[in-house]
Amino acid sequence: MKMKIAALVLVVLLPVLVVTATYATQPAMGSGKVTLVNHTPVGSPHPAGGNTIATFKNTFSLTGTLAGTAVALERDVTHASSDRTFITFQGEANFTSSNEAQSGTLVIHYVGINNGT
């Protein structure tokens, strides 16, 4: 019984592996620059448990291997304590290529910490 299941799995997965190996390409390295063009508040900041939460609409310009514009909705949380203040942020950007030869779109998720250094 186990041999039949193993054979069935092999028969089902083998074509998938062949197609994947045939059409897969190796990742390419790229370089470039990301510039924040616009940083607009969305609504008003509000307190939450000693922190302050703010939402922003950000526009980024990308140059280099990826060239185009990304528009993001970002949430920033300012954590204030007696020792130090830092900001955690997370966002999702919709990137649109400006290169007509290689047009396309991309969704970029990002997270980070701004500790003031």
PDB file of N, CA and C in Angstrom:
ATOM      1  N   MET A   1       0.818  -1.191   0.000  1.00  0.00           N
ATOM      2  CA  MET A   1       0.000   0.000   0.000  1.00  0.00           C
ATOM      3  C   MET A   1       0.865   1.259   0.000  1.00  0.00           C
ATOM      4  N   LYS A   2       1.922   1.276   0.843  1.00  0.00           N
ATOM      5  CA  LYS A   2       2.805   2.437   0.897  1.00  0.00           C
ATOM      6  C   LYS A   2       3.510   2.656  -0.433  1.00  0.00           C
ATOM      7  N   MET A   3       3.856   1.579  -1.125  1.00  0.00           N
ATOM      8  CA  MET A   3       4.522   1.698  -2.423  1.00  0.00           C
ATOM      9  C   MET A   3       3.584   2.323  -3.450  1.00  0.00           C
ATOM     10  N   LYS A   4       2.294   1.963  -3.395  1.00  0.00           N
ATOM     11  CA  LYS A   4       1.328   2.537  -4.332  1.00  0.00           C
ATOM     12  C   LYS A   4       1.184   4.035  -4.100  1.00  0.00           C
ATOM     13  N   ILE A   5       1.138   4.443  -2.832  1.00  0.00           N
ATOM     14  CA  ILE A   5       1.016   5.869  -2.506  1.00  0.00           C
ATOM     15  C   ILE A   5       2.267   6.610  -2.964  1.00  0.00           C
ATOM     16  N   ALA A   6       3.440   6.029  -2.705  1.00  0.00           N
ATOM     17  CA  ALA A   6       4.693   6.666  -3.122  1.00  0.00           C
ATOM     18  C   ALA A   6       4.758   6.789  -4.637  1.00  0.00           C
ATOM     19  N   ALA A   7       4.331   5.751  -5.355  1.00  0.00           N
ATOM     20  CA  ALA A   7       4.330   5.792  -6.816  1.00  0.00           C
ATOM     21  C   ALA A   7       3.352   6.839  -7.329  1.00  0.00           C
ATOM     22  N   LEU A   8       2.184   6.935  -6.696  1.00  0.00           N
ATOM     23  CA  LEU A   8       1.186   7.921  -7.101  1.00  0.00           C
ATOM     24  C   LEU A   8       1.700   9.343  -6.869  1.00  0.00           C
ATOM     25  N   VAL A   9       2.331   9.566  -5.726  1.00  0.00           N
ATOM     26  CA  VAL A   9       2.901  10.886  -5.433  1.00  0.00           C
ATOM     27  C   VAL A   9       3.976  11.231  -6.458  1.00  0.00           C
ATOM     28  N   LEU A  10       4.822  10.267  -6.797  1.00  0.00           N
ATOM     29  CA  LEU A  10       5.875  10.490  -7.785  1.00  0.00           C
ATOM     30  C   LEU A  10       5.284  10.821  -9.152  1.00  0.00           C
ATOM     31  N   VAL A  11       4.251  10.101  -9.560  1.00  0.00           N
ATOM     32  CA  VAL A  11       3.617  10.344 -10.856  1.00  0.00           C
ATOM     33  C   VAL A  11       2.983  11.732 -10.896  1.00  0.00           C
ATOM     34  N   VAL A  12       2.396  12.162  -9.794  1.00  0.00           N
ATOM     35  CA  VAL A  12       1.745  13.472  -9.754  1.00  0.00           C
ATOM     36  C   VAL A  12       2.779  14.595  -9.692  1.00  0.00           C
ATOM     37  N   LEU A  13       3.826  14.440  -8.889  1.00  0.00           N
ATOM     38  CA  LEU A  13       4.794  15.515  -8.686  1.00  0.00           C
ATOM     39  C   LEU A  13       5.860  15.618  -9.769  1.00  0.00           C
ATOM     40  N   LEU A  14       6.169  14.540 -10.459  1.00  0.00           N
ATOM     41  CA  LEU A  14       7.225  14.570 -11.463  1.00  0.00           C
ATOM     42  C   LEU A  14       6.967  15.604 -12.559  1.00  0.00           C
ATOM     43  N   PRO A  15       5.767  15.675 -13.147  1.00  0.00           N
ATOM     44  CA  PRO A  15       5.536  16.719 -14.158  1.00  0.00           C
ATOM     45  C   PRO A  15       5.683  18.133 -13.593  1.00  0.00           C
ATOM     46  N   VAL A  16       5.267  18.336 -12.358  1.00  0.00           N
ATOM     47  CA  VAL A  16       5.403  19.656 -11.736  1.00  0.00           C
ATOM     48  C   VAL A  16       6.875  20.013 -11.594  1.00  0.00           C
ATOM     49  N   LEU A  17       7.685  19.068 -11.155  1.00  0.00           N
ATOM     50  CA  LEU A  17       9.117  19.318 -11.002  1.00  0.00           C
ATOM     51  C   LEU A  17       9.789  19.594 -12.338  1.00  0.00           C
ATOM     52  N   VAL A  18       9.394  18.870 -13.378  1.00  0.00           N
ATOM     53  CA  VAL A  18       9.982  19.072 -14.701  1.00  0.00           C
ATOM     54  C   VAL A  18       9.634  20.461 -15.226  1.00  0.00           C
ATOM     55  N   VAL A  19       8.367  20.863 -15.113  1.00  0.00           N
ATOM     56  CA  VAL A  19       7.944  22.187 -15.580  1.00  0.00           C
ATOM     57  C   VAL A  19       8.641  23.275 -14.777  1.00  0.00           C
ATOM     58  N   THR A  20       8.725  23.118 -13.462  1.00  0.00           N
ATOM     59  CA  THR A  20       9.385  24.110 -12.615  1.00  0.00           C
ATOM     60  C   THR A  20      10.852  24.247 -12.992  1.00  0.00           C
ATOM     61  N   ALA A  21      11.535  23.146 -13.183  1.00  0.00           N
ATOM     62  CA  ALA A  21      12.952  23.190 -13.543  1.00  0.00           C
ATOM     63  C   ALA A  21      13.155  23.807 -14.921  1.00  0.00           C
ATOM     64  N   THR A  22      12.231  23.572 -15.832  1.00  0.00           N
ATOM     65  CA  THR A  22      12.349  24.098 -17.188  1.00  0.00           C
ATOM     66  C   THR A  22      12.165  25.604 -17.231  1.00  0.00           C
ATOM     67  N   TYR A  23      11.188  26.129 -16.511  1.00  0.00           N
ATOM     68  CA  TYR A  23      10.842  27.539 -16.607  1.00  0.00           C
ATOM     69  C   TYR A  23      11.443  28.418 -15.517  1.00  0.00           C
ATOM     70  N   ALA A  24      12.054  27.845 -14.526  1.00  0.00           N
ATOM     71  CA  ALA A  24      12.621  28.645 -13.438  1.00  0.00           C
ATOM     72  C   ALA A  24      13.884  29.353 -13.912  1.00  0.00           C
ATOM     73  N   THR A  25      14.070  30.567 -13.439  1.00  0.00           N
ATOM     74  CA  THR A  25      15.291  31.307 -13.743  1.00  0.00           C
ATOM     75  C   THR A  25      15.994  31.644 -12.437  1.00  0.00           C
ATOM     76  N   GLN A  26      17.261  31.841 -12.534  1.00  0.00           N
ATOM     77  CA  GLN A  26      18.045  32.194 -11.356  1.00  0.00           C
ATOM     78  C   GLN A  26      17.785  33.650 -10.988  1.00  0.00           C
ATOM     79  N   PRO A  27      17.735  33.974  -9.702  1.00  0.00           N
ATOM     80  CA  PRO A  27      17.564  35.370  -9.306  1.00  0.00           C
ATOM     81  C   PRO A  27      18.756  36.200  -9.766  1.00  0.00           C
ATOM     82  N   ALA A  28      18.490  37.450 -10.088  1.00  0.00           N
ATOM     83  CA  ALA A  28      19.547  38.355 -10.531  1.00  0.00           C
ATOM     84  C   ALA A  28      19.766  39.434  -9.478  1.00  0.00           C
ATOM     85  N   MET A  29      20.995  39.831  -9.310  1.00  0.00           N
ATOM     86  CA  MET A  29      21.328  40.916  -8.387  1.00  0.00           C
ATOM     87  C   MET A  29      21.035  42.247  -9.063  1.00  0.00           C
ATOM     88  N   GLY A  30      20.656  43.208  -8.276  1.00  0.00           N
ATOM     89  CA  GLY A  30      20.402  44.536  -8.806  1.00  0.00           C
ATOM     90  C   GLY A  30      20.849  45.581  -7.805  1.00  0.00           C
ATOM     91  N   SER A  31      20.864  46.799  -8.257  1.00  0.00           N
ATOM     92  CA  SER A  31      21.221  47.892  -7.359  1.00  0.00           C
ATOM     93  C   SER A  31      20.417  49.119  -7.749  1.00  0.00           C
ATOM     94  N   GLY A  32      20.371  50.073  -6.855  1.00  0.00           N
ATOM     95  CA  GLY A  32      19.635  51.291  -7.146  1.00  0.00           C
ATOM     96  C   GLY A  32      19.461  52.135  -5.908  1.00  0.00           C
ATOM     97  N   LYS A  33      18.555  53.069  -6.014  1.00  0.00           N
ATOM     98  CA  LYS A  33      18.333  54.030  -4.938  1.00  0.00           C
ATOM     99  C   LYS A  33      16.834  54.219  -4.734  1.00  0.00           C
ATOM    100  N   VAL A  34      16.430  54.320  -3.470  1.00  0.00           N
ATOM    101  CA  VAL A  34      15.041  54.604  -3.112  1.00  0.00           C
ATOM    102  C   VAL A  34      15.017  55.965  -2.424  1.00  0.00           C
ATOM    103  N   THR A  35      14.172  56.867  -2.921  1.00  0.00           N
ATOM    104  CA  THR A  35      14.074  58.213  -2.361  1.00  0.00           C
ATOM    105  C   THR A  35      12.641  58.480  -1.933  1.00  0.00           C
ATOM    106  N   LEU A  36      12.462  58.945  -0.699  1.00  0.00           N
ATOM    107  CA  LEU A  36      11.140  59.346  -0.220  1.00  0.00           C
ATOM    108  C   LEU A  36      10.812  60.700  -0.838  1.00  0.00           C
ATOM    109  N   VAL A  37       9.748  60.739  -1.649  1.00  0.00           N
ATOM    110  CA  VAL A  37       9.361  61.956  -2.365  1.00  0.00           C
ATOM    111  C   VAL A  37       8.297  62.731  -1.599  1.00  0.00           C
ATOM    112  N   ASN A  38       7.362  62.007  -0.978  1.00  0.00           N
ATOM    113  CA  ASN A  38       6.256  62.659  -0.272  1.00  0.00           C
ATOM    114  C   ASN A  38       5.878  61.828   0.949  1.00  0.00           C
ATOM    115  N   HIS A  39       5.545  62.498   2.051  1.00  0.00           N
ATOM    116  CA  HIS A  39       5.210  61.850   3.330  1.00  0.00           C
ATOM    117  C   HIS A  39       4.020  62.620   3.902  1.00  0.00           C
ATOM    118  N   THR A  40       2.794  62.123   3.642  1.00  0.00           N
ATOM    119  CA  THR A  40       1.577  62.848   4.003  1.00  0.00           C
ATOM    120  C   THR A  40       0.818  62.112   5.105  1.00  0.00           C
ATOM    121  N   PRO A  41       0.482  62.789   6.215  1.00  0.00           N
ATOM    122  CA  PRO A  41      -0.316  62.143   7.263  1.00  0.00           C
ATOM    123  C   PRO A  41      -1.708  61.772   6.751  1.00  0.00           C
ATOM    124  N   VAL A  42      -2.197  60.635   7.215  1.00  0.00           N
ATOM    125  CA  VAL A  42      -3.564  60.200   6.926  1.00  0.00           C
ATOM    126  C   VAL A  42      -4.293  60.193   8.263  1.00  0.00           C
ATOM    127  N   GLY A  43      -5.217  61.107   8.448  1.00  0.00           N
ATOM    128  CA  GLY A  43      -5.903  61.217   9.733  1.00  0.00           C
ATOM    129  C   GLY A  43      -4.998  61.849  10.775  1.00  0.00           C
ATOM    130  N   SER A  44      -5.412  61.733  12.026  1.00  0.00           N
ATOM    131  CA  SER A  44      -4.662  62.319  13.140  1.00  0.00           C
ATOM    132  C   SER A  44      -3.989  61.228  13.957  1.00  0.00           C
ATOM    133  N   PRO A  45      -2.796  61.498  14.484  1.00  0.00           N
ATOM    134  CA  PRO A  45      -2.159  60.535  15.387  1.00  0.00           C
ATOM    135  C   PRO A  45      -3.032  60.324  16.622  1.00  0.00           C
ATOM    136  N   HIS A  46      -2.982  59.114  17.186  1.00  0.00           N
ATOM    137  CA  HIS A  46      -3.767  58.849  18.389  1.00  0.00           C
ATOM    138  C   HIS A  46      -2.942  58.032  19.388  1.00  0.00           C
ATOM    139  N   PRO A  47      -3.193  58.269  20.679  1.00  0.00           N
ATOM    140  CA  PRO A  47      -2.456  57.541  21.717  1.00  0.00           C
ATOM    141  C   PRO A  47      -2.998  56.125  21.879  1.00  0.00           C
ATOM    142  N   ALA A  48      -2.102  55.228  22.277  1.00  0.00           N
ATOM    143  CA  ALA A  48      -2.490  53.844  22.554  1.00  0.00           C
ATOM    144  C   ALA A  48      -1.491  53.252  23.539  1.00  0.00           C
ATOM    145  N   GLY A  49      -1.899  53.102  24.783  1.00  0.00           N
ATOM    146  CA  GLY A  49      -1.053  52.461  25.793  1.00  0.00           C
ATOM    147  C   GLY A  49       0.276  53.151  26.016  1.00  0.00           C
ATOM    148  N   GLY A  50       0.300  54.454  26.021  1.00  0.00           N
ATOM    149  CA  GLY A  50       1.545  55.183  26.220  1.00  0.00           C
ATOM    150  C   GLY A  50       2.329  55.428  24.943  1.00  0.00           C
ATOM    151  N   ASN A  51       1.874  54.872  23.837  1.00  0.00           N
ATOM    152  CA  ASN A  51       2.509  55.067  22.537  1.00  0.00           C
ATOM    153  C   ASN A  51       1.646  55.991  21.684  1.00  0.00           C
ATOM    154  N   THR A  52       2.179  56.435  20.563  1.00  0.00           N
ATOM    155  CA  THR A  52       1.410  57.237  19.616  1.00  0.00           C
ATOM    156  C   THR A  52       1.438  56.543  18.266  1.00  0.00           C
ATOM    157  N   ILE A  53       0.249  56.353  17.684  1.00  0.00           N
ATOM    158  CA  ILE A  53       0.127  55.679  16.392  1.00  0.00           C
ATOM    159  C   ILE A  53      -0.271  56.700  15.341  1.00  0.00           C
ATOM    160  N   ALA A  54       0.448  56.690  14.224  1.00  0.00           N
ATOM    161  CA  ALA A  54       0.159  57.598  13.117  1.00  0.00           C
ATOM    162  C   ALA A  54       0.220  56.811  11.808  1.00  0.00           C
ATOM    163  N   THR A  55      -0.593  57.231  10.843  1.00  0.00           N
ATOM    164  CA  THR A  55      -0.617  56.602   9.527  1.00  0.00           C
ATOM    165  C   THR A  55      -0.206  57.632   8.485  1.00  0.00           C
ATOM    166  N   PHE A  56       0.579  57.176   7.496  1.00  0.00           N
ATOM    167  CA  PHE A  56       1.086  58.064   6.459  1.00  0.00           C
ATOM    168  C   PHE A  56       0.915  57.439   5.078  1.00  0.00           C
ATOM    169  N   LYS A  57       0.727  58.294   4.082  1.00  0.00           N
ATOM    170  CA  LYS A  57       0.802  57.885   2.682  1.00  0.00           C
ATOM    171  C   LYS A  57       2.155  58.372   2.185  1.00  0.00           C
ATOM    172  N   ASN A  58       3.004  57.440   1.790  1.00  0.00           N
ATOM    173  CA  ASN A  58       4.353  57.762   1.325  1.00  0.00           C
ATOM    174  C   ASN A  58       4.468  57.490  -0.165  1.00  0.00           C
ATOM    175  N   THR A  59       5.191  58.344  -0.859  1.00  0.00           N
ATOM    176  CA  THR A  59       5.511  58.120  -2.263  1.00  0.00           C
ATOM    177  C   THR A  59       7.027  58.023  -2.381  1.00  0.00           C
ATOM    178  N   PHE A  60       7.483  56.939  -3.016  1.00  0.00           N
ATOM    179  CA  PHE A  60       8.908  56.692  -3.192  1.00  0.00           C
ATOM    180  C   PHE A  60       9.252  56.693  -4.678  1.00  0.00           C
ATOM    181  N   SER A  61      10.433  57.167  -4.994  1.00  0.00           N
ATOM    182  CA  SER A  61      10.979  57.084  -6.344  1.00  0.00           C
ATOM    183  C   SER A  61      12.103  56.057  -6.317  1.00  0.00           C
ATOM    184  N   LEU A  62      12.050  55.086  -7.222  1.00  0.00           N
ATOM    185  CA  LEU A  62      13.082  54.056  -7.304  1.00  0.00           C
ATOM    186  C   LEU A  62      13.850  54.230  -8.607  1.00  0.00           C
ATOM    187  N   THR A  63      15.171  54.189  -8.523  1.00  0.00           N
ATOM    188  CA  THR A  63      16.017  54.250  -9.709  1.00  0.00           C
ATOM    189  C   THR A  63      16.997  53.094  -9.654  1.00  0.00           C
ATOM    190  N   GLY A  64      17.482  52.677 -10.808  1.00  0.00           N
ATOM    191  CA  GLY A  64      18.415  51.562 -10.871  1.00  0.00           C
ATOM    192  C   GLY A  64      17.766  50.383 -11.559  1.00  0.00           C
ATOM    193  N   THR A  65      18.037  49.174 -11.052  1.00  0.00           N
ATOM    194  CA  THR A  65      17.484  47.963 -11.649  1.00  0.00           C
ATOM    195  C   THR A  65      15.965  48.012 -11.660  1.00  0.00           C
ATOM    196  N   LEU A  66      15.365  48.450 -10.571  1.00  0.00           N
ATOM    197  CA  LEU A  66      13.926  48.718 -10.524  1.00  0.00           C
ATOM    198  C   LEU A  66      13.749  50.224 -10.636  1.00  0.00           C
ATOM    199  N   ALA A  67      13.094  50.665 -11.682  1.00  0.00           N
ATOM    200  CA  ALA A  67      12.874  52.100 -11.877  1.00  0.00           C
ATOM    201  C   ALA A  67      11.384  52.355 -11.940  1.00  0.00           C
ATOM    202  N   GLY A  68      10.917  53.295 -11.123  1.00  0.00           N
ATOM    203  CA  GLY A  68       9.501  53.616 -11.120  1.00  0.00           C
ATOM    204  C   GLY A  68       9.102  54.300  -9.836  1.00  0.00           C
ATOM    205  N   THR A  69       7.813  54.177  -9.518  1.00  0.00           N
ATOM    206  CA  THR A  69       7.243  54.839  -8.353  1.00  0.00           C
ATOM    207  C   THR A  69       6.523  53.817  -7.486  1.00  0.00           C
ATOM    208  N   ALA A  70       6.649  53.982  -6.177  1.00  0.00           N
ATOM    209  CA  ALA A  70       5.923  53.143  -5.225  1.00  0.00           C
ATOM    210  C   ALA A  70       5.118  54.052  -4.304  1.00  0.00           C
ATOM    211  N   VAL A  71       3.843  53.726  -4.138  1.00  0.00           N
ATOM    212  CA  VAL A  71       2.965  54.470  -3.232  1.00  0.00           C
ATOM    213  C   VAL A  71       2.619  53.529  -2.085  1.00  0.00           C
ATOM    214  N   ALA A  72       2.870  53.993  -0.855  1.00  0.00           N
ATOM    215  CA  ALA A  72       2.738  53.126   0.315  1.00  0.00           C
ATOM    216  C   ALA A  72       1.793  53.715   1.344  1.00  0.00           C
ATOM    217  N   LEU A  73       1.139  52.834   2.077  1.00  0.00           N
ATOM    218  CA  LEU A  73       0.402  53.198   3.280  1.00  0.00           C
ATOM    219  C   LEU A  73       1.216  52.629   4.436  1.00  0.00           C
ATOM    220  N   GLU A  74       1.631  53.499   5.359  1.00  0.00           N
ATOM    221  CA  GLU A  74       2.542  53.107   6.434  1.00  0.00           C
ATOM    222  C   GLU A  74       1.970  53.470   7.792  1.00  0.00           C
ATOM    223  N   ARG A  75       2.146  52.559   8.761  1.00  0.00           N
ATOM    224  CA  ARG A  75       1.741  52.821  10.145  1.00  0.00           C
ATOM    225  C   ARG A  75       2.990  52.943  10.991  1.00  0.00           C
ATOM    226  N   ASP A  76       3.098  54.052  11.705  1.00  0.00           N
ATOM    227  CA  ASP A  76       4.231  54.302  12.595  1.00  0.00           C
ATOM    228  C   ASP A  76       3.747  54.296  14.039  1.00  0.00           C
ATOM    229  N   VAL A  77       4.485  53.628  14.910  1.00  0.00           N
ATOM    230  CA  VAL A  77       4.189  53.637  16.338  1.00  0.00           C
ATOM    231  C   VAL A  77       5.392  54.244  17.052  1.00  0.00           C
ATOM    232  N   THR A  78       5.174  55.380  17.711  1.00  0.00           N
ATOM    233  CA  THR A  78       6.232  56.031  18.479  1.00  0.00           C
ATOM    234  C   THR A  78       6.175  55.505  19.904  1.00  0.00           C
ATOM    235  N   HIS A  79       7.258  54.853  20.314  1.00  0.00           N
ATOM    236  CA  HIS A  79       7.373  54.283  21.654  1.00  0.00           C
ATOM    237  C   HIS A  79       8.217  55.246  22.484  1.00  0.00           C
ATOM    238  N   ALA A  80       7.610  55.850  23.484  1.00  0.00           N
ATOM    239  CA  ALA A  80       8.333  56.811  24.323  1.00  0.00           C
ATOM    240  C   ALA A  80       8.503  56.228  25.718  1.00  0.00           C
ATOM    241  N   SER A  81       9.708  56.309  26.215  1.00  0.00           N
ATOM    242  CA  SER A  81       9.981  55.898  27.593  1.00  0.00           C
ATOM    243  C   SER A  81      10.943  56.918  28.192  1.00  0.00           C
ATOM    244  N   SER A  82      11.249  56.758  29.469  1.00  0.00           N
ATOM    245  CA  SER A  82      12.167  57.702  30.107  1.00  0.00           C
ATOM    246  C   SER A  82      13.588  57.547  29.561  1.00  0.00           C
ATOM    247  N   ASP A  83      13.914  56.355  29.049  1.00  0.00           N
ATOM    248  CA  ASP A  83      15.262  56.098  28.534  1.00  0.00           C
ATOM    249  C   ASP A  83      15.461  56.653  27.128  1.00  0.00           C
ATOM    250  N   ARG A  84      14.534  56.311  26.237  1.00  0.00           N
ATOM    251  CA  ARG A  84      14.711  56.673  24.836  1.00  0.00           C
ATOM    252  C   ARG A  84      13.373  56.623  24.109  1.00  0.00           C
ATOM    253  N   THR A  85      13.352  57.206  22.941  1.00  0.00           N
ATOM    254  CA  THR A  85      12.176  57.158  22.080  1.00  0.00           C
ATOM    255  C   THR A  85      12.589  56.518  20.763  1.00  0.00           C
ATOM    256  N   PHE A  86      11.760  55.602  20.263  1.00  0.00           N
ATOM    257  CA  PHE A  86      12.030  55.004  18.960  1.00  0.00           C
ATOM    258  C   PHE A  86      10.708  54.752  18.252  1.00  0.00           C
ATOM    259  N   ILE A  87      10.779  54.538  16.945  1.00  0.00           N
ATOM    260  CA  ILE A  87       9.587  54.341  16.121  1.00  0.00           C
ATOM    261  C   ILE A  87       9.693  52.995  15.423  1.00  0.00           C
ATOM    262  N   THR A  88       8.631  52.198  15.529  1.00  0.00           N
ATOM    263  CA  THR A  88       8.520  51.000  14.706  1.00  0.00           C
ATOM    264  C   THR A  88       7.551  51.332  13.581  1.00  0.00           C
ATOM    265  N   PHE A  89       7.813  50.796  12.400  1.00  0.00           N
ATOM    266  CA  PHE A  89       6.944  51.098  11.267  1.00  0.00           C
ATOM    267  C   PHE A  89       6.750  49.863  10.405  1.00  0.00           C
ATOM    268  N   GLN A  90       5.618  49.845   9.725  1.00  0.00           N
ATOM    269  CA  GLN A  90       5.326  48.794   8.755  1.00  0.00           C
ATOM    270  C   GLN A  90       4.470  49.396   7.660  1.00  0.00           C
ATOM    271  N   GLY A  91       4.675  48.909   6.445  1.00  0.00           N
ATOM    272  CA  GLY A  91       3.922  49.458   5.333  1.00  0.00           C
ATOM    273  C   GLY A  91       3.800  48.480   4.187  1.00  0.00           C
ATOM    274  N   GLU A  92       2.947  48.845   3.256  1.00  0.00           N
ATOM    275  CA  GLU A  92       2.759  48.083   2.032  1.00  0.00           C
ATOM    276  C   GLU A  92       2.737  49.072   0.888  1.00  0.00           C
ATOM    277  N   ALA A  93       3.609  48.858  -0.086  1.00  0.00           N
ATOM    278  CA  ALA A  93       3.737  49.775  -1.215  1.00  0.00           C
ATOM    279  C   ALA A  93       3.380  49.058  -2.511  1.00  0.00           C
ATOM    280  N   ASN A  94       2.702  49.758  -3.391  1.00  0.00           N
ATOM    281  CA  ASN A  94       2.422  49.268  -4.736  1.00  0.00           C
ATOM    282  C   ASN A  94       3.395  49.961  -5.684  1.00  0.00           C
ATOM    283  N   PHE A  95       4.290  49.173  -6.262  1.00  0.00           N
ATOM    284  CA  PHE A  95       5.318  49.688  -7.164  1.00  0.00           C
ATOM    285  C   PHE A  95       4.855  49.521  -8.599  1.00  0.00           C
ATOM    286  N   THR A  96       5.055  50.564  -9.407  1.00  0.00           N
ATOM    287  CA  THR A  96       4.772  50.513 -10.836  1.00  0.00           C
ATOM    288  C   THR A  96       6.041  50.897 -11.579  1.00  0.00           C
ATOM    289  N   SER A  97       6.455  50.045 -12.507  1.00  0.00           N
ATOM    290  CA  SER A  97       7.679  50.280 -13.260  1.00  0.00           C
ATOM    291  C   SER A  97       7.494  51.400 -14.271  1.00  0.00           C
ATOM    292  N   SER A  98       8.547  52.202 -14.453  1.00  0.00           N
ATOM    293  CA  SER A  98       8.520  53.247 -15.473  1.00  0.00           C
ATOM    294  C   SER A  98       9.343  52.839 -16.688  1.00  0.00           C
ATOM    295  N   ASN A  99       9.879  51.635 -16.665  1.00  0.00           N
ATOM    296  CA  ASN A  99      10.672  51.125 -17.774  1.00  0.00           C
ATOM    297  C   ASN A  99       9.737  50.413 -18.744  1.00  0.00           C
ATOM    298  N   GLU A 100       9.481  51.015 -19.910  1.00  0.00           N
ATOM    299  CA  GLU A 100       8.531  50.437 -20.862  1.00  0.00           C
ATOM    300  C   GLU A 100       8.988  49.086 -21.387  1.00  0.00           C
ATOM    301  N   ALA A 101      10.291  48.869 -21.464  1.00  0.00           N
ATOM    302  CA  ALA A 101      10.801  47.597 -21.970  1.00  0.00           C
ATOM    303  C   ALA A 101      10.519  46.455 -21.000  1.00  0.00           C
ATOM    304  N   GLN A 102      10.436  46.760 -19.709  1.00  0.00           N
ATOM    305  CA  GLN A 102      10.175  45.738 -18.699  1.00  0.00           C
ATOM    306  C   GLN A 102       9.128  46.259 -17.728  1.00  0.00           C
ATOM    307  N   SER A 103       7.933  46.493 -18.227  1.00  0.00           N
ATOM    308  CA  SER A 103       6.886  47.058 -17.377  1.00  0.00           C
ATOM    309  C   SER A 103       6.329  45.993 -16.444  1.00  0.00           C
ATOM    310  N   GLY A 104       5.755  46.457 -15.346  1.00  0.00           N
ATOM    311  CA  GLY A 104       5.145  45.536 -14.406  1.00  0.00           C
ATOM    312  C   GLY A 104       4.838  46.223 -13.100  1.00  0.00           C
ATOM    313  N   THR A 105       4.237  45.465 -12.209  1.00  0.00           N
ATOM    314  CA  THR A 105       3.907  45.981 -10.885  1.00  0.00           C
ATOM    315  C   THR A 105       4.433  45.008  -9.840  1.00  0.00           C
ATOM    316  N   LEU A 106       4.560  45.516  -8.623  1.00  0.00           N
ATOM    317  CA  LEU A 106       5.100  44.723  -7.531  1.00  0.00           C
ATOM    318  C   LEU A 106       4.529  45.255  -6.230  1.00  0.00           C
ATOM    319  N   VAL A 107       4.139  44.369  -5.322  1.00  0.00           N
ATOM    320  CA  VAL A 107       3.697  44.775  -3.989  1.00  0.00           C
ATOM    321  C   VAL A 107       4.862  44.534  -3.034  1.00  0.00           C
ATOM    322  N   ILE A 108       5.239  45.581  -2.300  1.00  0.00           N
ATOM    323  CA  ILE A 108       6.380  45.511  -1.395  1.00  0.00           C
ATOM    324  C   ILE A 108       5.880  45.676   0.041  1.00  0.00           C
ATOM    325  N   HIS A 109       6.164  44.702   0.893  1.00  0.00           N
ATOM    326  CA  HIS A 109       5.858  44.795   2.322  1.00  0.00           C
ATOM    327  C   HIS A 109       7.160  45.139   3.037  1.00  0.00           C
ATOM    328  N   TYR A 110       7.112  46.082   3.958  1.00  0.00           N
ATOM    329  CA  TYR A 110       8.328  46.446   4.679  1.00  0.00           C
ATOM    330  C   TYR A 110       8.020  46.726   6.140  1.00  0.00           C
ATOM    331  N   VAL A 111       9.012  46.463   6.986  1.00  0.00           N
ATOM    332  CA  VAL A 111       8.928  46.734   8.426  1.00  0.00           C
ATOM    333  C   VAL A 111      10.285  47.247   8.879  1.00  0.00           C
ATOM    334  N   GLY A 112      10.303  48.002   9.970  1.00  0.00           N
ATOM    335  CA  GLY A 112      11.584  48.480  10.458  1.00  0.00           C
ATOM    336  C   GLY A 112      11.479  49.198  11.779  1.00  0.00           C
ATOM    337  N   ILE A 113      12.634  49.609  12.270  1.00  0.00           N
ATOM    338  CA  ILE A 113      12.745  50.369  13.515  1.00  0.00           C
ATOM    339  C   ILE A 113      13.624  51.581  13.244  1.00  0.00           C
ATOM    340  N   ASN A 114      13.148  52.736  13.636  1.00  0.00           N
ATOM    341  CA  ASN A 114      13.929  53.964  13.559  1.00  0.00           C
ATOM    342  C   ASN A 114      14.278  54.337  14.993  1.00  0.00           C
ATOM    343  N   ASN A 115      15.537  54.106  15.353  1.00  0.00           N
ATOM    344  CA  ASN A 115      15.949  54.403  16.727  1.00  0.00           C
ATOM    345  C   ASN A 115      16.721  55.712  16.822  1.00  0.00           C
ATOM    346  N   GLY A 116      16.667  56.520  15.766  1.00  0.00           N
ATOM    347  CA  GLY A 116      17.274  57.844  15.799  1.00  0.00           C
ATOM    348  C   GLY A 116      18.749  57.882  15.497  1.00  0.00           C
ATOM    349  N   THR A 117      19.332  56.747  15.110  1.00  0.00           N
ATOM    350  CA  THR A 117      20.762  56.752  14.783  1.00  0.00           C
ATOM    351  C   THR A 117      20.968  56.575  13.307  1.00  0.00           C
TER     352      THR A 117
END
